[in-house]
N, C-alpha and C. Protein backbone atom coordinates (compact mmCIF):
# COMPACT_ATOMS: atom_id res chain seq x y z
N UNK A 1 -29.41 -9.03 2.05
CA UNK A 1 -28.74 -8.51 0.87
C UNK A 1 -28.19 -7.11 1.13
N UNK A 2 -28.94 -6.30 1.89
CA UNK A 2 -28.48 -4.94 2.19
C UNK A 2 -27.17 -4.98 2.99
N UNK A 3 -27.11 -5.88 3.98
CA UNK A 3 -25.88 -6.00 4.77
C UNK A 3 -24.70 -6.39 3.87
N UNK A 4 -24.91 -7.34 2.98
CA UNK A 4 -23.83 -7.78 2.10
C UNK A 4 -23.36 -6.64 1.21
N UNK A 5 -24.31 -5.86 0.68
CA UNK A 5 -23.94 -4.73 -0.17
C UNK A 5 -23.11 -3.71 0.61
N UNK A 6 -23.54 -3.40 1.84
CA UNK A 6 -22.77 -2.46 2.67
C UNK A 6 -21.40 -3.02 3.03
N UNK A 7 -21.35 -4.32 3.31
CA UNK A 7 -20.06 -4.95 3.63
C UNK A 7 -19.11 -4.89 2.42
N UNK A 8 -19.64 -5.14 1.22
CA UNK A 8 -18.81 -5.04 0.01
C UNK A 8 -18.31 -3.62 -0.20
N UNK A 9 -19.18 -2.63 -0.02
CA UNK A 9 -18.77 -1.23 -0.16
C UNK A 9 -17.65 -0.90 0.81
N UNK A 10 -17.83 -1.30 2.07
CA UNK A 10 -16.82 -1.04 3.09
C UNK A 10 -15.50 -1.70 2.74
N UNK A 11 -15.56 -2.95 2.37
CA UNK A 11 -14.35 -3.71 2.05
C UNK A 11 -13.62 -3.11 0.84
N UNK A 12 -14.37 -2.74 -0.19
CA UNK A 12 -13.76 -2.18 -1.40
C UNK A 12 -13.11 -0.83 -1.14
N UNK A 13 -13.59 -0.08 -0.15
CA UNK A 13 -13.01 1.22 0.19
C UNK A 13 -11.87 1.11 1.20
N UNK A 14 -11.68 -0.09 1.77
CA UNK A 14 -10.66 -0.29 2.78
C UNK A 14 -9.26 -0.36 2.16
N UNK A 15 -8.26 -0.44 3.00
CA UNK A 15 -6.88 -0.48 2.50
C UNK A 15 -6.57 -1.76 1.73
N UNK A 16 -7.40 -2.79 1.88
CA UNK A 16 -7.19 -4.02 1.11
C UNK A 16 -8.20 -4.14 -0.04
N UNK A 17 -8.90 -3.06 -0.35
CA UNK A 17 -9.94 -3.08 -1.37
C UNK A 17 -9.46 -3.55 -2.73
N UNK A 18 -8.31 -3.04 -3.17
CA UNK A 18 -7.78 -3.44 -4.49
C UNK A 18 -7.43 -4.91 -4.52
N UNK A 19 -6.81 -5.39 -3.45
CA UNK A 19 -6.45 -6.80 -3.38
C UNK A 19 -7.70 -7.67 -3.37
N UNK A 20 -8.72 -7.26 -2.61
CA UNK A 20 -9.96 -8.01 -2.57
C UNK A 20 -10.62 -8.05 -3.94
N UNK A 21 -10.67 -6.92 -4.61
CA UNK A 21 -11.30 -6.86 -5.94
C UNK A 21 -10.63 -7.83 -6.91
N UNK A 22 -9.33 -8.02 -6.78
CA UNK A 22 -8.61 -8.92 -7.67
C UNK A 22 -8.98 -10.39 -7.45
N UNK A 23 -9.59 -10.71 -6.30
CA UNK A 23 -9.99 -12.10 -6.03
C UNK A 23 -11.33 -12.45 -6.66
N UNK A 24 -12.07 -11.46 -7.15
CA UNK A 24 -13.41 -11.70 -7.69
C UNK A 24 -13.34 -12.22 -9.12
N UNK A 25 -14.26 -13.11 -9.45
CA UNK A 25 -14.36 -13.61 -10.82
C UNK A 25 -14.86 -12.48 -11.72
N UNK A 26 -14.47 -12.52 -12.99
CA UNK A 26 -14.87 -11.50 -13.96
C UNK A 26 -15.83 -12.14 -14.96
N UNK A 27 -16.97 -11.48 -15.17
CA UNK A 27 -17.95 -12.04 -16.10
C UNK A 27 -17.39 -12.10 -17.50
N UNK A 28 -17.68 -13.19 -18.18
CA UNK A 28 -17.22 -13.36 -19.56
C UNK A 28 -15.82 -13.92 -19.69
N UNK A 29 -15.10 -14.05 -18.59
CA UNK A 29 -13.75 -14.62 -18.61
C UNK A 29 -13.78 -15.96 -17.89
N UNK A 30 -12.83 -16.86 -18.19
CA UNK A 30 -12.82 -18.16 -17.52
C UNK A 30 -12.85 -17.99 -16.00
N UNK A 31 -13.71 -18.75 -15.37
CA UNK A 31 -13.88 -18.68 -13.92
C UNK A 31 -15.35 -18.83 -13.56
N UNK A 32 -15.69 -18.48 -12.36
CA UNK A 32 -17.03 -18.68 -11.84
C UNK A 32 -18.14 -17.91 -12.53
N UNK A 33 -17.82 -16.83 -13.23
CA UNK A 33 -18.85 -16.03 -13.90
C UNK A 33 -18.67 -16.04 -15.41
N UNK A 34 -18.08 -17.11 -15.94
CA UNK A 34 -17.75 -17.18 -17.36
C UNK A 34 -18.94 -16.89 -18.27
N UNK A 35 -20.08 -17.50 -17.99
CA UNK A 35 -21.24 -17.32 -18.88
C UNK A 35 -22.18 -16.22 -18.42
N UNK A 36 -21.94 -15.66 -17.24
CA UNK A 36 -22.84 -14.64 -16.71
C UNK A 36 -22.62 -13.32 -17.44
N UNK A 37 -23.67 -12.82 -18.06
CA UNK A 37 -23.59 -11.55 -18.78
C UNK A 37 -22.75 -11.60 -20.03
N UNK A 38 -22.44 -12.81 -20.51
CA UNK A 38 -21.61 -12.95 -21.72
C UNK A 38 -22.27 -12.23 -22.89
N UNK A 39 -21.47 -11.56 -23.67
CA UNK A 39 -21.93 -10.84 -24.87
C UNK A 39 -22.90 -9.71 -24.54
N UNK A 40 -22.77 -9.14 -23.34
CA UNK A 40 -23.58 -7.98 -22.94
C UNK A 40 -22.63 -6.92 -22.38
N UNK A 41 -23.20 -5.81 -21.93
CA UNK A 41 -22.39 -4.75 -21.32
C UNK A 41 -21.75 -5.19 -20.01
N UNK A 42 -22.19 -6.31 -19.47
CA UNK A 42 -21.61 -6.82 -18.22
C UNK A 42 -20.32 -7.60 -18.47
N UNK A 43 -20.16 -8.12 -19.67
CA UNK A 43 -19.00 -8.96 -19.98
C UNK A 43 -17.70 -8.18 -19.76
N UNK A 44 -16.81 -8.76 -18.97
CA UNK A 44 -15.52 -8.19 -18.59
C UNK A 44 -15.66 -6.87 -17.84
N UNK A 45 -16.86 -6.55 -17.37
CA UNK A 45 -17.13 -5.33 -16.61
C UNK A 45 -17.55 -5.68 -15.19
N UNK A 46 -18.24 -6.76 -15.01
CA UNK A 46 -18.76 -7.16 -13.71
C UNK A 46 -17.77 -8.10 -13.02
N UNK A 47 -17.52 -7.83 -11.74
CA UNK A 47 -16.68 -8.71 -10.92
C UNK A 47 -17.51 -9.13 -9.73
N UNK A 48 -17.47 -10.41 -9.40
CA UNK A 48 -18.27 -10.84 -8.27
C UNK A 48 -18.15 -12.30 -7.95
N UNK A 49 -19.08 -12.73 -7.14
CA UNK A 49 -19.19 -14.13 -6.72
C UNK A 49 -20.62 -14.58 -6.93
N UNK A 50 -20.79 -15.84 -7.25
CA UNK A 50 -22.12 -16.41 -7.41
C UNK A 50 -22.28 -17.57 -6.43
N UNK A 51 -23.52 -17.87 -6.14
CA UNK A 51 -23.79 -19.01 -5.27
C UNK A 51 -25.15 -19.58 -5.59
N UNK A 52 -25.26 -20.86 -5.49
CA UNK A 52 -26.57 -21.48 -5.72
C UNK A 52 -26.63 -22.83 -5.03
N UNK A 53 -27.86 -23.16 -4.70
CA UNK A 53 -28.21 -24.48 -4.22
C UNK A 53 -29.68 -24.67 -4.56
N UNK A 54 -30.26 -25.74 -4.18
CA UNK A 54 -31.63 -26.04 -4.57
C UNK A 54 -32.57 -24.86 -4.25
N UNK A 55 -33.21 -24.32 -5.29
CA UNK A 55 -34.19 -23.24 -5.21
C UNK A 55 -33.63 -21.92 -4.69
N UNK A 56 -32.30 -21.76 -4.71
CA UNK A 56 -31.66 -20.51 -4.29
C UNK A 56 -30.63 -20.11 -5.33
N UNK A 57 -30.59 -18.83 -5.66
CA UNK A 57 -29.59 -18.29 -6.59
C UNK A 57 -29.14 -16.94 -6.04
N UNK A 58 -27.83 -16.69 -6.03
CA UNK A 58 -27.35 -15.40 -5.53
C UNK A 58 -26.12 -14.93 -6.31
N UNK A 59 -26.02 -13.62 -6.41
CA UNK A 59 -24.87 -12.95 -7.03
C UNK A 59 -24.57 -11.71 -6.21
N UNK A 60 -23.30 -11.43 -6.02
CA UNK A 60 -22.86 -10.21 -5.35
C UNK A 60 -21.59 -9.73 -6.03
N UNK A 61 -21.45 -8.42 -6.13
CA UNK A 61 -20.24 -7.90 -6.76
C UNK A 61 -20.34 -6.43 -7.12
N UNK A 62 -19.54 -6.06 -8.12
CA UNK A 62 -19.45 -4.67 -8.56
C UNK A 62 -19.37 -4.62 -10.08
N UNK A 63 -19.81 -3.50 -10.64
CA UNK A 63 -19.59 -3.24 -12.05
C UNK A 63 -19.70 -1.74 -12.30
N UNK A 64 -19.18 -1.29 -13.41
CA UNK A 64 -19.25 0.13 -13.77
C UNK A 64 -20.45 0.36 -14.67
N UNK A 65 -21.20 1.42 -14.37
CA UNK A 65 -22.38 1.77 -15.15
C UNK A 65 -21.97 2.47 -16.44
N UNK A 66 -22.96 2.76 -17.26
CA UNK A 66 -22.75 3.48 -18.51
C UNK A 66 -22.08 4.83 -18.25
N UNK A 67 -22.44 5.47 -17.14
CA UNK A 67 -21.84 6.76 -16.75
C UNK A 67 -20.57 6.58 -15.92
N UNK A 68 -20.03 5.36 -15.92
CA UNK A 68 -18.79 5.00 -15.24
C UNK A 68 -18.87 5.16 -13.72
N UNK A 69 -20.05 4.92 -13.16
CA UNK A 69 -20.22 4.87 -11.71
C UNK A 69 -20.03 3.43 -11.25
N UNK A 70 -19.29 3.25 -10.17
CA UNK A 70 -19.09 1.90 -9.63
C UNK A 70 -20.33 1.52 -8.83
N UNK A 71 -21.02 0.47 -9.27
CA UNK A 71 -22.22 -0.01 -8.60
C UNK A 71 -21.92 -1.31 -7.86
N UNK A 72 -22.33 -1.37 -6.61
CA UNK A 72 -22.15 -2.55 -5.77
C UNK A 72 -23.53 -3.19 -5.60
N UNK A 73 -23.61 -4.50 -5.71
CA UNK A 73 -24.91 -5.17 -5.65
C UNK A 73 -24.83 -6.51 -4.94
N UNK A 74 -25.98 -6.93 -4.45
CA UNK A 74 -26.16 -8.28 -3.92
C UNK A 74 -27.60 -8.66 -4.19
N UNK A 75 -27.79 -9.75 -4.89
CA UNK A 75 -29.12 -10.25 -5.23
C UNK A 75 -29.22 -11.68 -4.74
N UNK A 76 -30.23 -11.94 -3.92
CA UNK A 76 -30.46 -13.29 -3.42
C UNK A 76 -31.92 -13.65 -3.71
N UNK A 77 -32.11 -14.73 -4.42
CA UNK A 77 -33.45 -15.23 -4.70
C UNK A 77 -33.59 -16.55 -3.97
N UNK A 78 -34.56 -16.61 -3.08
CA UNK A 78 -34.72 -17.77 -2.21
C UNK A 78 -36.07 -18.44 -2.45
N UNK A 79 -36.08 -19.76 -2.37
CA UNK A 79 -37.30 -20.56 -2.45
C UNK A 79 -38.02 -20.39 -3.79
N UNK A 80 -37.26 -20.28 -4.86
CA UNK A 80 -37.85 -20.09 -6.17
C UNK A 80 -38.11 -21.43 -6.85
N UNK A 81 -39.24 -21.49 -7.52
CA UNK A 81 -39.57 -22.69 -8.29
C UNK A 81 -39.16 -22.54 -9.75
N UNK A 82 -38.68 -21.35 -10.14
CA UNK A 82 -38.28 -21.10 -11.52
C UNK A 82 -36.99 -21.85 -11.84
N UNK A 83 -36.81 -22.26 -13.09
CA UNK A 83 -35.55 -22.89 -13.48
C UNK A 83 -34.38 -21.93 -13.27
N UNK A 84 -33.24 -22.45 -12.88
CA UNK A 84 -32.09 -21.59 -12.58
C UNK A 84 -31.69 -20.76 -13.79
N UNK A 85 -31.86 -21.28 -15.00
CA UNK A 85 -31.52 -20.50 -16.20
C UNK A 85 -32.40 -19.26 -16.33
N UNK A 86 -33.67 -19.37 -15.95
CA UNK A 86 -34.59 -18.22 -15.99
C UNK A 86 -34.20 -17.20 -14.93
N UNK A 87 -33.83 -17.67 -13.74
CA UNK A 87 -33.40 -16.76 -12.69
C UNK A 87 -32.13 -16.00 -13.10
N UNK A 88 -31.18 -16.73 -13.65
CA UNK A 88 -29.94 -16.12 -14.09
C UNK A 88 -30.22 -15.05 -15.15
N UNK A 89 -31.06 -15.36 -16.10
CA UNK A 89 -31.40 -14.41 -17.16
C UNK A 89 -32.09 -13.18 -16.59
N UNK A 90 -33.00 -13.35 -15.65
CA UNK A 90 -33.70 -12.23 -15.04
C UNK A 90 -32.73 -11.33 -14.27
N UNK A 91 -31.78 -11.94 -13.57
CA UNK A 91 -30.78 -11.16 -12.82
C UNK A 91 -29.89 -10.40 -13.79
N UNK A 92 -29.46 -11.05 -14.86
CA UNK A 92 -28.65 -10.37 -15.87
C UNK A 92 -29.40 -9.17 -16.44
N UNK A 93 -30.66 -9.35 -16.80
CA UNK A 93 -31.45 -8.25 -17.37
C UNK A 93 -31.61 -7.11 -16.37
N UNK A 94 -31.82 -7.43 -15.10
CA UNK A 94 -31.93 -6.39 -14.08
C UNK A 94 -30.62 -5.59 -13.98
N UNK A 95 -29.49 -6.30 -13.93
CA UNK A 95 -28.21 -5.60 -13.82
C UNK A 95 -27.91 -4.77 -15.07
N UNK A 96 -28.27 -5.27 -16.23
CA UNK A 96 -28.10 -4.49 -17.47
C UNK A 96 -28.94 -3.22 -17.41
N UNK A 97 -30.16 -3.30 -16.87
CA UNK A 97 -30.99 -2.11 -16.73
C UNK A 97 -30.35 -1.10 -15.78
N UNK A 98 -29.71 -1.61 -14.73
CA UNK A 98 -29.03 -0.70 -13.79
C UNK A 98 -27.80 -0.06 -14.45
N UNK A 99 -27.13 -0.81 -15.29
CA UNK A 99 -26.00 -0.27 -16.06
C UNK A 99 -26.48 0.93 -16.88
N UNK A 100 -27.63 0.81 -17.51
CA UNK A 100 -28.15 1.85 -18.39
C UNK A 100 -28.58 3.11 -17.63
N UNK A 101 -29.24 2.95 -16.48
CA UNK A 101 -29.83 4.12 -15.82
C UNK A 101 -28.95 4.80 -14.80
N UNK A 102 -27.84 4.18 -14.42
CA UNK A 102 -26.95 4.82 -13.45
C UNK A 102 -25.73 5.30 -14.14
């Protein structure tokens, strides 16, 4: 996850950063993150990609904090027995907490 976060930071600061950012799904809008963070501070604020398969859930992307700092993140949960809806909710709550404190 640390490598992915550093890679995203590097890419977003590169000369193609703006173009790359435009390829990311936006939470709360039609697309891959439509329901992620819906009706929260993440809605239409978070841009990223999601991935999942059996017992794995991952999200990577960027969003602006309450203090308007651009935060880059990558969260990968592997080998989880929890329902995917619970994992998604826990990740949303974690990112909302980061929105508040940064």
